[in-house]
């Protein structure tokens, strides 16, 4: 049976609880990630912020205005996004997201991600964050030759 620990990314990016939306944008871009766990100083997972949540926070006013045709220019809405860039990610993250143990079977990771509509799960080792597992990791797992 394949376990999460065989496919966990132990170098996965994360944010601290005091991180801002700007920090999230920078890290999502740098690591080409789609979600970032938000941790306290002890490595406990407090939340998960996705690329979509960051986008929704920064583009909220434009999205309302974009119901018009043609879609409006972004220029007038930059001030809204800039005003929000220093907001804490805690305002936008999903608190207490699903997490998975490094000892869990891959099937459990797949089921959790599908059930919650996520492509990334924080992985815990002895109750603390040790990395993430993503849908692509599960794809690797299912395509591995059987022993």
C-alpha atoms as a PDB file:
ATOM      1  CA  UNK A   1       0.000   0.000   0.000  1.00  0.00           C
ATOM      2  CA  UNK A   2       1.381   3.388  -1.014  1.00  0.00           C
ATOM      3  CA  UNK A   3       1.497   5.983   1.734  1.00  0.00           C
ATOM      4  CA  UNK A   4       1.512   9.764   1.722  1.00  0.00           C
ATOM      5  CA  UNK A   5       5.056   9.862   3.158  1.00  0.00           C
ATOM      6  CA  UNK A   6       6.411   8.409  -0.106  1.00  0.00           C
ATOM      7  CA  UNK A   7       5.094  11.377  -2.103  1.00  0.00           C
ATOM      8  CA  UNK A   8       5.097  14.321   0.336  1.00  0.00           C
ATOM      9  CA  UNK A   9       6.967  17.449  -0.731  1.00  0.00           C
ATOM     10  CA  UNK A  10       8.980  18.288   2.375  1.00  0.00           C
ATOM     11  CA  UNK A  11      10.252  21.492   0.748  1.00  0.00           C
ATOM     12  CA  UNK A  12       6.742  22.828   0.144  1.00  0.00           C
ATOM     13  CA  UNK A  13       6.214  26.550   0.715  1.00  0.00           C
ATOM     14  CA  UNK A  14       4.038  27.832   3.538  1.00  0.00           C
ATOM     15  CA  UNK A  15       3.152  31.095   5.242  1.00  0.00           C
ATOM     16  CA  UNK A  16       3.208  32.218   8.838  1.00  0.00           C
ATOM     17  CA  UNK A  17       0.013  33.456  10.455  1.00  0.00           C
ATOM     18  CA  UNK A  18       1.074  37.123  10.180  1.00  0.00           C
ATOM     19  CA  UNK A  19       1.654  36.916   6.404  1.00  0.00           C
ATOM     20  CA  UNK A  20      -0.122  39.349   4.076  1.00  0.00           C
ATOM     21  CA  UNK A  21      -1.871  38.897   0.739  1.00  0.00           C
ATOM     22  CA  UNK A  22       1.270  40.365  -0.886  1.00  0.00           C
ATOM     23  CA  UNK A  23       3.348  37.649   0.824  1.00  0.00           C
ATOM     24  CA  UNK A  24       0.933  35.037  -0.514  1.00  0.00           C
ATOM     25  CA  UNK A  25       1.154  36.387  -4.078  1.00  0.00           C
ATOM     26  CA  UNK A  26       4.951  36.445  -3.915  1.00  0.00           C
ATOM     27  CA  UNK A  27       5.230  32.883  -2.603  1.00  0.00           C
ATOM     28  CA  UNK A  28       2.535  31.430  -4.880  1.00  0.00           C
ATOM     29  CA  UNK A  29       4.373  32.954  -7.837  1.00  0.00           C
ATOM     30  CA  UNK A  30       7.898  32.024  -6.741  1.00  0.00           C
ATOM     31  CA  UNK A  31       7.029  28.378  -6.084  1.00  0.00           C
ATOM     32  CA  UNK A  32       4.347  28.081  -8.794  1.00  0.00           C
ATOM     33  CA  UNK A  33       2.109  26.737  -6.029  1.00  0.00           C
ATOM     34  CA  UNK A  34      -1.690  26.806  -6.027  1.00  0.00           C
ATOM     35  CA  UNK A  35      -2.178  26.731  -2.247  1.00  0.00           C
ATOM     36  CA  UNK A  36      -0.147  27.587   0.844  1.00  0.00           C
ATOM     37  CA  UNK A  37      -0.610  26.203   4.345  1.00  0.00           C
ATOM     38  CA  UNK A  38      -0.678  28.893   7.030  1.00  0.00           C
ATOM     39  CA  UNK A  39       1.196  27.858  10.170  1.00  0.00           C
ATOM     40  CA  UNK A  40       1.652  29.146  13.691  1.00  0.00           C
ATOM     41  CA  UNK A  41       5.136  29.382  15.197  1.00  0.00           C
ATOM     42  CA  UNK A  42       4.890  25.778  16.456  1.00  0.00           C
ATOM     43  CA  UNK A  43       4.177  24.287  13.018  1.00  0.00           C
ATOM     44  CA  UNK A  44       0.464  23.776  13.629  1.00  0.00           C
ATOM     45  CA  UNK A  45      -1.654  24.223  10.486  1.00  0.00           C
ATOM     46  CA  UNK A  46      -4.047  27.122  11.091  1.00  0.00           C
ATOM     47  CA  UNK A  47      -5.376  27.451   7.567  1.00  0.00           C
ATOM     48  CA  UNK A  48      -4.883  27.076   3.849  1.00  0.00           C
ATOM     49  CA  UNK A  49      -4.964  29.923   1.364  1.00  0.00           C
ATOM     50  CA  UNK A  50      -5.445  29.105  -2.288  1.00  0.00           C
ATOM     51  CA  UNK A  51      -4.486  31.031  -5.385  1.00  0.00           C
ATOM     52  CA  UNK A  52      -8.222  31.456  -6.059  1.00  0.00           C
ATOM     53  CA  UNK A  53      -8.822  32.999  -2.602  1.00  0.00           C
ATOM     54  CA  UNK A  54      -5.978  35.477  -3.123  1.00  0.00           C
ATOM     55  CA  UNK A  55      -7.329  36.329  -6.571  1.00  0.00           C
ATOM     56  CA  UNK A  56     -10.852  36.795  -5.169  1.00  0.00           C
ATOM     57  CA  UNK A  57      -9.543  39.129  -2.446  1.00  0.00           C
ATOM     58  CA  UNK A  58      -7.591  41.322  -4.857  1.00  0.00           C
ATOM     59  CA  UNK A  59     -10.118  41.318  -7.725  1.00  0.00           C
ATOM     60  CA  UNK A  60     -13.363  41.518  -5.707  1.00  0.00           C
ATOM     61  CA  UNK A  61     -14.473  44.963  -6.933  1.00  0.00           C
ATOM     62  CA  UNK A  62     -13.385  44.322 -10.512  1.00  0.00           C
ATOM     63  CA  UNK A  63     -15.368  41.065 -10.586  1.00  0.00           C
ATOM     64  CA  UNK A  64     -18.546  42.918  -9.632  1.00  0.00           C
ATOM     65  CA  UNK A  65     -17.915  45.553 -12.302  1.00  0.00           C
ATOM     66  CA  UNK A  66     -16.971  42.926 -14.884  1.00  0.00           C
ATOM     67  CA  UNK A  67     -20.578  41.798 -15.096  1.00  0.00           C
ATOM     68  CA  UNK A  68     -20.820  44.616 -17.624  1.00  0.00           C
ATOM     69  CA  UNK A  69     -19.949  44.054 -21.267  1.00  0.00           C
ATOM     70  CA  UNK A  70     -17.298  44.794 -22.288  1.00  0.00           C
ATOM     71  CA  UNK A  71     -15.296  44.038 -19.138  1.00  0.00           C
ATOM     72  CA  UNK A  72     -13.867  47.185 -17.559  1.00  0.00           C
ATOM     73  CA  UNK A  73     -10.206  48.156 -17.553  1.00  0.00           C
ATOM     74  CA  UNK A  74      -8.264  46.988 -14.502  1.00  0.00           C
ATOM     75  CA  UNK A  75      -6.666  50.429 -14.021  1.00  0.00           C
ATOM     76  CA  UNK A  76      -9.428  51.996 -11.886  1.00  0.00           C
ATOM     77  CA  UNK A  77      -9.470  48.931  -9.616  1.00  0.00           C
ATOM     78  CA  UNK A  78      -5.749  48.830  -8.821  1.00  0.00           C
ATOM     79  CA  UNK A  79      -6.312  51.075  -5.793  1.00  0.00           C
ATOM     80  CA  UNK A  80      -8.691  48.500  -4.257  1.00  0.00           C
ATOM     81  CA  UNK A  81      -6.137  45.723  -4.685  1.00  0.00           C
ATOM     82  CA  UNK A  82      -3.276  47.876  -3.369  1.00  0.00           C
ATOM     83  CA  UNK A  83      -5.343  48.839  -0.332  1.00  0.00           C
ATOM     84  CA  UNK A  84      -5.827  45.154   0.417  1.00  0.00           C
ATOM     85  CA  UNK A  85      -2.292  43.837  -0.244  1.00  0.00           C
ATOM     86  CA  UNK A  86      -1.195  44.256   3.375  1.00  0.00           C
ATOM     87  CA  UNK A  87      -4.284  42.511   4.766  1.00  0.00           C
ATOM     88  CA  UNK A  88      -3.462  39.355   6.732  1.00  0.00           C
ATOM     89  CA  UNK A  89      -4.016  36.092   4.881  1.00  0.00           C
ATOM     90  CA  UNK A  90      -5.975  34.968   7.948  1.00  0.00           C
ATOM     91  CA  UNK A  91      -8.884  37.114   6.688  1.00  0.00           C
ATOM     92  CA  UNK A  92      -9.091  35.135   3.446  1.00  0.00           C
ATOM     93  CA  UNK A  93      -7.760  31.643   4.201  1.00  0.00           C
ATOM     94  CA  UNK A  94      -9.839  28.571   4.913  1.00  0.00           C
ATOM     95  CA  UNK A  95      -9.387  27.993   8.654  1.00  0.00           C
ATOM     96  CA  UNK A  96      -8.817  24.467   9.984  1.00  0.00           C
ATOM     97  CA  UNK A  97      -8.381  22.911   6.540  1.00  0.00           C
ATOM     98  CA  UNK A  98      -8.286  19.172   6.034  1.00  0.00           C
ATOM     99  CA  UNK A  99      -4.851  17.736   6.776  1.00  0.00           C
ATOM    100  CA  UNK A 100      -3.458  14.255   6.343  1.00  0.00           C
ATOM    101  CA  UNK A 101      -0.986  12.119   8.241  1.00  0.00           C
ATOM    102  CA  UNK A 102       2.213  11.094   6.492  1.00  0.00           C
ATOM    103  CA  UNK A 103       1.261   7.487   7.353  1.00  0.00           C
ATOM    104  CA  UNK A 104      -2.134   7.639   5.605  1.00  0.00           C
ATOM    105  CA  UNK A 105      -2.686   5.728   2.364  1.00  0.00           C
ATOM    106  CA  UNK A 106      -2.620   7.714  -0.886  1.00  0.00           C
ATOM    107  CA  UNK A 107      -6.303   6.829  -1.411  1.00  0.00           C
ATOM    108  CA  UNK A 108      -7.197   8.852   1.678  1.00  0.00           C
ATOM    109  CA  UNK A 109      -5.341  11.898   0.317  1.00  0.00           C
ATOM    110  CA  UNK A 110      -7.164  11.601  -3.016  1.00  0.00           C
ATOM    111  CA  UNK A 111     -10.554  11.254  -1.307  1.00  0.00           C
ATOM    112  CA  UNK A 112      -9.918  14.276   0.965  1.00  0.00           C
ATOM    113  CA  UNK A 113      -8.818  16.499  -1.919  1.00  0.00           C
ATOM    114  CA  UNK A 114     -11.798  15.508  -4.060  1.00  0.00           C
ATOM    115  CA  UNK A 115     -14.259  15.926  -1.197  1.00  0.00           C
ATOM    116  CA  UNK A 116     -12.960  19.412  -0.316  1.00  0.00           C
ATOM    117  CA  UNK A 117     -12.251  20.576  -3.877  1.00  0.00           C
ATOM    118  CA  UNK A 118      -8.545  21.075  -3.149  1.00  0.00           C
ATOM    119  CA  UNK A 119      -5.420  20.264  -5.138  1.00  0.00           C
ATOM    120  CA  UNK A 120      -3.040  20.505  -2.155  1.00  0.00           C
ATOM    121  CA  UNK A 121      -3.187  19.058   1.353  1.00  0.00           C
ATOM    122  CA  UNK A 122      -0.938  19.879   4.306  1.00  0.00           C
ATOM    123  CA  UNK A 123       0.813  16.736   5.566  1.00  0.00           C
ATOM    124  CA  UNK A 124       1.439  16.172   9.261  1.00  0.00           C
ATOM    125  CA  UNK A 125       4.183  14.182  10.934  1.00  0.00           C
ATOM    126  CA  UNK A 126       3.694  13.767  14.683  1.00  0.00           C
ATOM    127  CA  UNK A 127       0.990  16.444  14.553  1.00  0.00           C
ATOM    128  CA  UNK A 128       3.159  19.120  12.932  1.00  0.00           C
ATOM    129  CA  UNK A 129       3.402  20.357   9.355  1.00  0.00           C
ATOM    130  CA  UNK A 130       6.094  18.523   7.381  1.00  0.00           C
ATOM    131  CA  UNK A 131       5.062  19.334   3.791  1.00  0.00           C
ATOM    132  CA  UNK A 132       2.265  19.011   1.279  1.00  0.00           C
ATOM    133  CA  UNK A 133       0.864  16.462  -1.105  1.00  0.00           C
ATOM    134  CA  UNK A 134      -0.732  17.594  -4.362  1.00  0.00           C
ATOM    135  CA  UNK A 135      -2.975  15.996  -6.949  1.00  0.00           C
ATOM    136  CA  UNK A 136       0.035  15.598  -9.242  1.00  0.00           C
ATOM    137  CA  UNK A 137       1.789  13.584  -6.517  1.00  0.00           C
ATOM    138  CA  UNK A 138      -1.225  11.274  -6.408  1.00  0.00           C
ATOM    139  CA  UNK A 139      -0.996  10.965 -10.208  1.00  0.00           C
ATOM    140  CA  UNK A 140       2.632   9.898  -9.774  1.00  0.00           C
ATOM    141  CA  UNK A 141       1.543   7.339  -7.180  1.00  0.00           C
ATOM    142  CA  UNK A 142      -1.106   5.721  -9.355  1.00  0.00           C
ATOM    143  CA  UNK A 143       1.239   5.544 -12.365  1.00  0.00           C
ATOM    144  CA  UNK A 144       4.097   3.921 -10.432  1.00  0.00           C
ATOM    145  CA  UNK A 145       4.705   0.318 -11.438  1.00  0.00           C
ATOM    146  CA  UNK A 146       3.354  -2.199  -8.963  1.00  0.00           C
ATOM    147  CA  UNK A 147       6.035  -3.888  -6.850  1.00  0.00           C
END
